[in-house]
PDB file of all heavy atoms in Angstrom:
ATOM      1  N   GLN A   1     -43.353  83.134 208.369  1.00  0.00           N
ATOM      2  CA  GLN A   1     -42.289  82.478 209.113  1.00  0.00           C
ATOM      3  C   GLN A   1     -42.481  82.700 210.590  1.00  0.00           C
ATOM      4  O   GLN A   1     -42.926  83.763 211.013  1.00  0.00           O
ATOM      5  CB  GLN A   1     -40.927  83.047 208.709  1.00  0.00           C
ATOM      6  CG  GLN A   1     -40.538  82.751 207.288  1.00  0.00           C
ATOM      7  CD  GLN A   1     -39.213  82.045 207.228  1.00  0.00           C
ATOM      8  OE1 GLN A   1     -38.366  82.212 208.070  1.00  0.00           O
ATOM      9  NE2 GLN A   1     -39.052  81.231 206.213  1.00  0.00           N
ATOM     10  N   ALA A   2     -42.163  81.680 211.385  1.00  0.00           N
ATOM     11  CA  ALA A   2     -42.114  81.851 212.834  1.00  0.00           C
ATOM     12  C   ALA A   2     -40.778  82.501 213.156  1.00  0.00           C
ATOM     13  O   ALA A   2     -39.800  82.329 212.441  1.00  0.00           O
ATOM     14  CB  ALA A   2     -42.235  80.496 213.524  1.00  0.00           C
ATOM     15  N   VAL A   3     -40.738  83.270 214.222  1.00  0.00           N
ATOM     16  CA  VAL A   3     -39.512  83.964 214.590  1.00  0.00           C
ATOM     17  C   VAL A   3     -39.070  83.473 215.963  1.00  0.00           C
ATOM     18  O   VAL A   3     -39.869  83.343 216.880  1.00  0.00           O
ATOM     19  CB  VAL A   3     -39.723  85.495 214.601  1.00  0.00           C
ATOM     20  CG1 VAL A   3     -38.461  86.196 215.063  1.00  0.00           C
ATOM     21  CG2 VAL A   3     -40.136  85.977 213.229  1.00  0.00           C
ATOM     22  N   MET A   4     -37.779  83.217 216.065  1.00  0.00           N
ATOM     23  CA  MET A   4     -37.186  82.785 217.320  1.00  0.00           C
ATOM     24  C   MET A   4     -36.076  83.772 217.644  1.00  0.00           C
ATOM     25  O   MET A   4     -35.342  84.202 216.757  1.00  0.00           O
ATOM     26  CB  MET A   4     -36.606  81.378 217.160  1.00  0.00           C
ATOM     27  CG  MET A   4     -35.858  80.877 218.366  1.00  0.00           C
ATOM     28  SD  MET A   4     -35.169  79.221 218.108  1.00  0.00           S
ATOM     29  CE  MET A   4     -33.755  79.614 217.097  1.00  0.00           C
ATOM     30  N   ALA A   5     -35.949  84.138 218.906  1.00  0.00           N
ATOM     31  CA  ALA A   5     -34.858  85.012 219.326  1.00  0.00           C
ATOM     32  C   ALA A   5     -33.696  84.157 219.805  1.00  0.00           C
ATOM     33  O   ALA A   5     -33.878  83.181 220.514  1.00  0.00           O
ATOM     34  CB  ALA A   5     -35.320  85.937 220.439  1.00  0.00           C
ATOM     35  N   ALA A   6     -32.504  84.525 219.379  1.00  0.00           N
ATOM     36  CA  ALA A   6     -31.289  83.832 219.807  1.00  0.00           C
ATOM     37  C   ALA A   6     -30.281  84.871 220.272  1.00  0.00           C
ATOM     38  O   ALA A   6     -30.271  85.996 219.786  1.00  0.00           O
ATOM     39  CB  ALA A   6     -30.711  83.017 218.649  1.00  0.00           C
ATOM     40  N   ALA A   7     -29.443  84.465 221.212  1.00  0.00           N
ATOM     41  CA  ALA A   7     -28.418  85.380 221.702  1.00  0.00           C
ATOM     42  C   ALA A   7     -27.460  85.721 220.566  1.00  0.00           C
ATOM     43  O   ALA A   7     -27.047  84.861 219.798  1.00  0.00           O
ATOM     44  CB  ALA A   7     -27.663  84.745 222.861  1.00  0.00           C
ATOM     45  N   HIS A   8     -27.130  87.002 220.443  1.00  0.00           N
ATOM     46  CA  HIS A   8     -26.181  87.454 219.434  1.00  0.00           C
ATOM     47  C   HIS A   8     -24.799  86.941 219.823  1.00  0.00           C
ATOM     48  O   HIS A   8     -24.431  86.961 220.996  1.00  0.00           O
ATOM     49  CB  HIS A   8     -26.186  88.986 219.360  1.00  0.00           C
ATOM     50  CG  HIS A   8     -25.529  89.515 218.135  1.00  0.00           C
ATOM     51  ND1 HIS A   8     -24.162  89.648 218.055  1.00  0.00           N
ATOM     52  CD2 HIS A   8     -26.032  89.917 216.950  1.00  0.00           C
ATOM     53  CE1 HIS A   8     -23.846  90.140 216.867  1.00  0.00           C
ATOM     54  NE2 HIS A   8     -24.960  90.310 216.174  1.00  0.00           N
ATOM     55  N   PRO A   9     -23.991  86.468 218.861  1.00  0.00           N
ATOM     56  CA  PRO A   9     -22.688  85.886 219.184  1.00  0.00           C
ATOM     57  C   PRO A   9     -21.758  86.814 219.966  1.00  0.00           C
ATOM     58  O   PRO A   9     -20.945  86.348 220.757  1.00  0.00           O
ATOM     59  CB  PRO A   9     -22.080  85.546 217.820  1.00  0.00           C
ATOM     60  CG  PRO A   9     -23.226  85.486 216.880  1.00  0.00           C
ATOM     61  CD  PRO A   9     -24.293  86.377 217.438  1.00  0.00           C
ATOM     62  N   ASP A  10     -21.854  88.121 219.758  1.00  0.00           N
ATOM     63  CA  ASP A  10     -20.949  89.028 220.479  1.00  0.00           C
ATOM     64  C   ASP A  10     -21.506  89.450 221.840  1.00  0.00           C
ATOM     65  O   ASP A  10     -20.938  90.297 222.516  1.00  0.00           O
ATOM     66  CB  ASP A  10     -20.603  90.250 219.638  1.00  0.00           C
ATOM     67  CG  ASP A  10     -21.798  91.159 219.378  1.00  0.00           C
ATOM     68  OD1 ASP A  10     -22.876  90.939 219.971  1.00  0.00           O
ATOM     69  OD2 ASP A  10     -21.660  92.101 218.583  1.00  0.00           O
ATOM     70  N   GLY A  11     -22.644  88.821 222.237  1.00  0.00           N
ATOM     71  CA  GLY A  11     -23.222  89.119 223.549  1.00  0.00           C
ATOM     72  C   GLY A  11     -24.018  90.403 223.603  1.00  0.00           C
ATOM     73  O   GLY A  11     -24.456  90.823 224.669  1.00  0.00           O
ATOM     74  N   GLN A  12     -24.223  91.026 222.480  1.00  0.00           N
ATOM     75  CA  GLN A  12     -24.924  92.310 222.424  1.00  0.00           C
ATOM     76  C   GLN A  12     -26.392  92.120 222.040  1.00  0.00           C
ATOM     77  O   GLN A  12     -26.800  92.410 220.935  1.00  0.00           O
ATOM     78  CB  GLN A  12     -24.244  93.243 221.395  1.00  0.00           C
ATOM     79  CG  GLN A  12     -22.788  93.497 221.665  1.00  0.00           C
ATOM     80  CD  GLN A  12     -22.585  94.254 222.962  1.00  0.00           C
ATOM     81  OE1 GLN A  12     -23.322  95.187 223.262  1.00  0.00           O
ATOM     82  NE2 GLN A  12     -21.604  93.841 223.730  1.00  0.00           N
ATOM     83  N   GLY A  13     -27.197  91.619 222.946  1.00  0.00           N
ATOM     84  CA  GLY A  13     -28.624  91.468 222.699  1.00  0.00           C
ATOM     85  C   GLY A  13     -28.972  90.169 222.017  1.00  0.00           C
ATOM     86  O   GLY A  13     -28.293  89.157 222.164  1.00  0.00           O
ATOM     87  N   THR A  14     -30.053  90.208 221.241  1.00  0.00           N
ATOM     88  CA  THR A  14     -30.532  89.006 220.575  1.00  0.00           C
ATOM     89  C   THR A  14     -30.691  89.255 219.086  1.00  0.00           C
ATOM     90  O   THR A  14     -30.735  90.395 218.626  1.00  0.00           O
ATOM     91  CB  THR A  14     -31.898  88.563 221.142  1.00  0.00           C
ATOM     92  OG1 THR A  14     -32.832  89.615 220.952  1.00  0.00           O
ATOM     93  CG2 THR A  14     -31.792  88.205 222.613  1.00  0.00           C
ATOM     94  N   VAL A  15     -30.788  88.169 218.362  1.00  0.00           N
ATOM     95  CA  VAL A  15     -30.995  88.204 216.923  1.00  0.00           C
ATOM     96  C   VAL A  15     -32.266  87.426 216.638  1.00  0.00           C
ATOM     97  O   VAL A  15     -32.479  86.357 217.200  1.00  0.00           O
ATOM     98  CB  VAL A  15     -29.800  87.524 216.195  1.00  0.00           C
ATOM     99  CG1 VAL A  15     -30.057  87.433 214.709  1.00  0.00           C
ATOM    100  CG2 VAL A  15     -28.509  88.244 216.485  1.00  0.00           C
ATOM    101  N   ALA A  16     -33.123  87.969 215.781  1.00  0.00           N
ATOM    102  CA  ALA A  16     -34.341  87.264 215.386  1.00  0.00           C
ATOM    103  C   ALA A  16     -33.997  86.308 214.244  1.00  0.00           C
ATOM    104  O   ALA A  16     -33.331  86.689 213.285  1.00  0.00           O
ATOM    105  CB  ALA A  16     -35.412  88.246 214.946  1.00  0.00           C
ATOM    106  N   ILE A  17     -34.445  85.072 214.386  1.00  0.00           N
ATOM    107  CA  ILE A  17     -34.184  84.052 213.379  1.00  0.00           C
ATOM    108  C   ILE A  17     -35.522  83.564 212.862  1.00  0.00           C
ATOM    109  O   ILE A  17     -36.377  83.127 213.637  1.00  0.00           O
ATOM    110  CB  ILE A  17     -33.393  82.875 213.976  1.00  0.00           C
ATOM    111  CG1 ILE A  17     -32.057  83.376 214.521  1.00  0.00           C
ATOM    112  CG2 ILE A  17     -33.202  81.767 212.951  1.00  0.00           C
ATOM    113  CD1 ILE A  17     -31.309  82.344 215.324  1.00  0.00           C
ATOM    114  N   GLY A  18     -35.713  83.636 211.556  1.00  0.00           N
ATOM    115  CA  GLY A  18     -36.944  83.145 210.951  1.00  0.00           C
ATOM    116  C   GLY A  18     -36.853  81.654 210.702  1.00  0.00           C
ATOM    117  O   GLY A  18     -35.794  81.138 210.368  1.00  0.00           O
ATOM    118  N   MET A  19     -37.949  80.976 210.929  1.00  0.00           N
ATOM    119  CA  MET A  19     -37.986  79.542 210.652  1.00  0.00           C
ATOM    120  C   MET A  19     -39.362  79.208 210.090  1.00  0.00           C
ATOM    121  O   MET A  19     -40.341  79.884 210.398  1.00  0.00           O
ATOM    122  CB  MET A  19     -37.681  78.724 211.904  1.00  0.00           C
ATOM    123  CG  MET A  19     -38.716  78.825 213.002  1.00  0.00           C
ATOM    124  SD  MET A  19     -38.328  77.821 214.427  1.00  0.00           S
ATOM    125  CE  MET A  19     -37.123  78.851 215.232  1.00  0.00           C
ATOM    126  N   PRO A  20     -39.429  78.181 209.275  1.00  0.00           N
ATOM    127  CA  PRO A  20     -40.725  77.783 208.735  1.00  0.00           C
ATOM    128  C   PRO A  20     -41.686  77.423 209.868  1.00  0.00           C
ATOM    129  O   PRO A  20     -41.281  76.791 210.850  1.00  0.00           O
ATOM    130  CB  PRO A  20     -40.407  76.561 207.881  1.00  0.00           C
ATOM    131  CG  PRO A  20     -38.935  76.641 207.606  1.00  0.00           C
ATOM    132  CD  PRO A  20     -38.335  77.342 208.791  1.00  0.00           C
ATOM    133  N   PRO A  21     -42.947  77.817 209.750  1.00  0.00           N
ATOM    134  CA  PRO A  21     -43.918  77.506 210.799  1.00  0.00           C
ATOM    135  C   PRO A  21     -44.027  76.007 211.092  1.00  0.00           C
ATOM    136  O   PRO A  21     -44.195  75.615 212.242  1.00  0.00           O
ATOM    137  CB  PRO A  21     -45.242  78.051 210.262  1.00  0.00           C
ATOM    138  CG  PRO A  21     -44.859  79.060 209.244  1.00  0.00           C
ATOM    139  CD  PRO A  21     -43.535  78.629 208.683  1.00  0.00           C
ATOM    140  N   ALA A  22     -43.903  75.172 210.062  1.00  0.00           N
ATOM    141  CA  ALA A  22     -43.995  73.724 210.291  1.00  0.00           C
ATOM    142  C   ALA A  22     -42.835  73.242 211.160  1.00  0.00           C
ATOM    143  O   ALA A  22     -43.016  72.371 212.024  1.00  0.00           O
ATOM    144  CB  ALA A  22     -44.000  72.973 208.965  1.00  0.00           C
ATOM    145  N   PHE A  23     -41.649  73.810 210.974  1.00  0.00           N
ATOM    146  CA  PHE A  23     -40.499  73.433 211.797  1.00  0.00           C
ATOM    147  C   PHE A  23     -40.710  73.894 213.235  1.00  0.00           C
ATOM    148  O   PHE A  23     -40.462  73.150 214.175  1.00  0.00           O
ATOM    149  CB  PHE A  23     -39.201  74.016 211.226  1.00  0.00           C
ATOM    150  CG  PHE A  23     -37.993  73.684 212.051  1.00  0.00           C
ATOM    151  CD1 PHE A  23     -37.462  72.405 212.037  1.00  0.00           C
ATOM    152  CD2 PHE A  23     -37.402  74.636 212.857  1.00  0.00           C
ATOM    153  CE1 PHE A  23     -36.351  72.081 212.805  1.00  0.00           C
ATOM    154  CE2 PHE A  23     -36.291  74.328 213.630  1.00  0.00           C
ATOM    155  CZ  PHE A  23     -35.760  73.044 213.602  1.00  0.00           C
ATOM    156  N   ALA A  24     -41.175  75.128 213.404  1.00  0.00           N
ATOM    157  CA  ALA A  24     -41.432  75.649 214.752  1.00  0.00           C
ATOM    158  C   ALA A  24     -42.470  74.785 215.462  1.00  0.00           C
ATOM    159  O   ALA A  24     -42.308  74.435 216.640  1.00  0.00           O
ATOM    160  CB  ALA A  24     -41.896  77.101 214.676  1.00  0.00           C
ATOM    161  N   ALA A  25     -43.528  74.404 214.752  1.00  0.00           N
ATOM    162  CA  ALA A  25     -44.575  73.564 215.346  1.00  0.00           C
ATOM    163  C   ALA A  25     -44.018  72.194 215.718  1.00  0.00           C
ATOM    164  O   ALA A  25     -44.329  71.655 216.787  1.00  0.00           O
ATOM    165  CB  ALA A  25     -45.745  73.423 214.380  1.00  0.00           C
ATOM    166  N   PHE A  26     -43.194  71.632 214.845  1.00  0.00           N
ATOM    167  CA  PHE A  26     -42.578  70.341 215.131  1.00  0.00           C
ATOM    168  C   PHE A  26     -41.744  70.425 216.406  1.00  0.00           C
ATOM    169  O   PHE A  26     -41.850  69.573 217.286  1.00  0.00           O
ATOM    170  CB  PHE A  26     -41.694  69.903 213.955  1.00  0.00           C
ATOM    171  CG  PHE A  26     -41.039  68.571 214.164  1.00  0.00           C
ATOM    172  CD1 PHE A  26     -41.640  67.412 213.698  1.00  0.00           C
ATOM    173  CD2 PHE A  26     -39.818  68.459 214.826  1.00  0.00           C
ATOM    174  CE1 PHE A  26     -41.046  66.172 213.897  1.00  0.00           C
ATOM    175  CE2 PHE A  26     -39.221  67.232 215.033  1.00  0.00           C
ATOM    176  CZ  PHE A  26     -39.832  66.081 214.568  1.00  0.00           C
ATOM    177  N   CYS A  27     -40.929  71.454 216.501  1.00  0.00           N
ATOM    178  CA  CYS A  27     -40.064  71.624 217.686  1.00  0.00           C
ATOM    179  C   CYS A  27     -40.898  71.770 218.955  1.00  0.00           C
ATOM    180  O   CYS A  27     -40.604  71.127 219.971  1.00  0.00           O
ATOM    181  CB  CYS A  27     -39.158  72.837 217.510  1.00  0.00           C
ATOM    182  SG  CYS A  27     -37.896  72.615 216.237  1.00  0.00           S
ATOM    183  N   LEU A  28     -41.919  72.590 218.909  1.00  0.00           N
ATOM    184  CA  LEU A  28     -42.764  72.780 220.088  1.00  0.00           C
ATOM    185  C   LEU A  28     -43.457  71.494 220.497  1.00  0.00           C
ATOM    186  O   LEU A  28     -43.592  71.197 221.679  1.00  0.00           O
ATOM    187  CB  LEU A  28     -43.798  73.877 219.835  1.00  0.00           C
ATOM    188  CG  LEU A  28     -43.252  75.299 219.797  1.00  0.00           C
ATOM    189  CD1 LEU A  28     -44.346  76.284 219.376  1.00  0.00           C
ATOM    190  CD2 LEU A  28     -42.666  75.684 221.143  1.00  0.00           C
ATOM    191  N   ARG A  29     -43.869  70.726 219.509  1.00  0.00           N
ATOM    192  CA  ARG A  29     -44.589  69.483 219.789  1.00  0.00           C
ATOM    193  C   ARG A  29     -43.692  68.431 220.449  1.00  0.00           C
ATOM    194  O   ARG A  29     -44.148  67.651 221.281  1.00  0.00           O
ATOM    195  CB  ARG A  29     -45.156  68.945 218.478  1.00  0.00           C
ATOM    196  CG  ARG A  29     -45.986  67.717 218.625  1.00  0.00           C
ATOM    197  CD  ARG A  29     -46.732  67.421 217.335  1.00  0.00           C
ATOM    198  NE  ARG A  29     -47.128  66.048 217.337  1.00  0.00           N
ATOM    199  CZ  ARG A  29     -46.792  65.175 216.398  1.00  0.00           C
ATOM    200  NH1 ARG A  29     -46.079  65.547 215.369  1.00  0.00           N
ATOM    201  NH2 ARG A  29     -47.191  63.939 216.472  1.00  0.00           N
ATOM    202  N   HIS A  30     -42.417  68.413 220.091  1.00  0.00           N
ATOM    203  CA  HIS A  30     -41.507  67.365 220.571  1.00  0.00           C
ATOM    204  C   HIS A  30     -40.565  67.808 221.689  1.00  0.00           C
ATOM    205  O   HIS A  30     -39.951  66.964 222.342  1.00  0.00           O
ATOM    206  CB  HIS A  30     -40.677  66.835 219.398  1.00  0.00           C
ATOM    207  CG  HIS A  30     -41.484  66.077 218.401  1.00  0.00           C
ATOM    208  ND1 HIS A  30     -42.162  66.677 217.371  1.00  0.00           N
ATOM    209  CD2 HIS A  30     -41.743  64.758 218.292  1.00  0.00           C
ATOM    210  CE1 HIS A  30     -42.794  65.769 216.670  1.00  0.00           C
ATOM    211  NE2 HIS A  30     -42.559  64.590 217.202  1.00  0.00           N
ATOM    212  N   LEU A  31     -40.452  69.086 221.912  1.00  0.00           N
ATOM    213  CA  LEU A  31     -39.423  69.620 222.806  1.00  0.00           C
ATOM    214  C   LEU A  31     -39.459  69.015 224.204  1.00  0.00           C
ATOM    215  O   LEU A  31     -38.431  68.563 224.714  1.00  0.00           O
ATOM    216  CB  LEU A  31     -39.527  71.148 222.888  1.00  0.00           C
ATOM    217  CG  LEU A  31     -38.450  71.828 223.729  1.00  0.00           C
ATOM    218  CD1 LEU A  31     -37.070  71.569 223.152  1.00  0.00           C
ATOM    219  CD2 LEU A  31     -38.730  73.323 223.801  1.00  0.00           C
ATOM    220  N   ASP A  32     -40.609  68.973 224.837  1.00  0.00           N
ATOM    221  CA  ASP A  32     -40.686  68.478 226.215  1.00  0.00           C
ATOM    222  C   ASP A  32     -40.218  67.027 226.313  1.00  0.00           C
ATOM    223  O   ASP A  32     -39.425  66.682 227.194  1.00  0.00           O
ATOM    224  CB  ASP A  32     -42.110  68.616 226.760  1.00  0.00           C
ATOM    225  CG  ASP A  32     -42.214  68.084 228.183  1.00  0.00           C
ATOM    226  OD1 ASP A  32     -41.532  68.641 229.069  1.00  0.00           O
ATOM    227  OD2 ASP A  32     -42.957  67.106 228.400  1.00  0.00           O
ATOM    228  N   ILE A  33     -40.667  66.189 225.412  1.00  0.00           N
ATOM    229  CA  ILE A  33     -40.277  64.772 225.460  1.00  0.00           C
ATOM    230  C   ILE A  33     -38.789  64.630 225.155  1.00  0.00           C
ATOM    231  O   ILE A  33     -38.088  63.866 225.823  1.00  0.00           O
ATOM    232  CB  ILE A  33     -41.137  63.929 224.499  1.00  0.00           C
ATOM    233  CG1 ILE A  33     -42.593  63.928 224.991  1.00  0.00           C
ATOM    234  CG2 ILE A  33     -40.588  62.508 224.380  1.00  0.00           C
ATOM    235  CD1 ILE A  33     -43.579  63.334 224.021  1.00  0.00           C
ATOM    236  N   TYR A  34     -38.284  65.367 224.174  1.00  0.00           N
ATOM    237  CA  TYR A  34     -36.854  65.310 223.864  1.00  0.00           C
ATOM    238  C   TYR A  34     -36.028  65.715 225.077  1.00  0.00           C
ATOM    239  O   TYR A  34     -35.026  65.076 225.394  1.00  0.00           O
ATOM    240  CB  TYR A  34     -36.517  66.237 222.702  1.00  0.00           C
ATOM    241  CG  TYR A  34     -36.920  65.768 221.334  1.00  0.00           C
ATOM    242  CD1 TYR A  34     -37.645  64.600 221.110  1.00  0.00           C
ATOM    243  CD2 TYR A  34     -36.582  66.523 220.224  1.00  0.00           C
ATOM    244  CE1 TYR A  34     -38.006  64.206 219.838  1.00  0.00           C
ATOM    245  CE2 TYR A  34     -36.920  66.135 218.940  1.00  0.00           C
ATOM    246  CZ  TYR A  34     -37.637  64.981 218.757  1.00  0.00           C
ATOM    247  OH  TYR A  34     -37.983  64.589 217.485  1.00  0.00           O
ATOM    248  N   LEU A  35     -36.442  66.783 225.766  1.00  0.00           N
ATOM    249  CA  LEU A  35     -35.705  67.235 226.943  1.00  0.00           C
ATOM    250  C   LEU A  35     -35.734  66.200 228.062  1.00  0.00           C
ATOM    251  O   LEU A  35     -34.717  65.935 228.706  1.00  0.00           O
ATOM    252  CB  LEU A  35     -36.264  68.568 227.446  1.00  0.00           C
ATOM    253  CG  LEU A  35     -35.970  69.785 226.581  1.00  0.00           C
ATOM    254  CD1 LEU A  35     -36.779  70.984 227.053  1.00  0.00           C
ATOM    255  CD2 LEU A  35     -34.476  70.104 226.586  1.00  0.00           C
ATOM    256  N   ARG A  36     -36.897  65.612 228.285  1.00  0.00           N
ATOM    257  CA  ARG A  36     -37.018  64.585 229.331  1.00  0.00           C
ATOM    258  C   ARG A  36     -36.161  63.368 229.000  1.00  0.00           C
ATOM    259  O   ARG A  36     -35.472  62.825 229.869  1.00  0.00           O
ATOM    260  CB  ARG A  36     -38.481  64.207 229.514  1.00  0.00           C
ATOM    261  CG  ARG A  36     -39.305  65.336 230.130  1.00  0.00           C
ATOM    262  CD  ARG A  36     -40.800  65.053 230.150  1.00  0.00           C
ATOM    263  NE  ARG A  36     -41.113  63.789 230.792  1.00  0.00           N
ATOM    264  CZ  ARG A  36     -42.194  63.064 230.517  1.00  0.00           C
ATOM    265  NH1 ARG A  36     -43.067  63.479 229.630  1.00  0.00           N
ATOM    266  NH2 ARG A  36     -42.419  61.934 231.154  1.00  0.00           N
TER     267      ARG A  36
END
């Protein structure tokens, strides 16, 4: 699994979130164009 860090809801650091590698790759591939 790919791991992404996200802010913890109570503001106390971050939480590691596992995601399928294919999803992480998809997001990385499309992120710049989606943002633009």
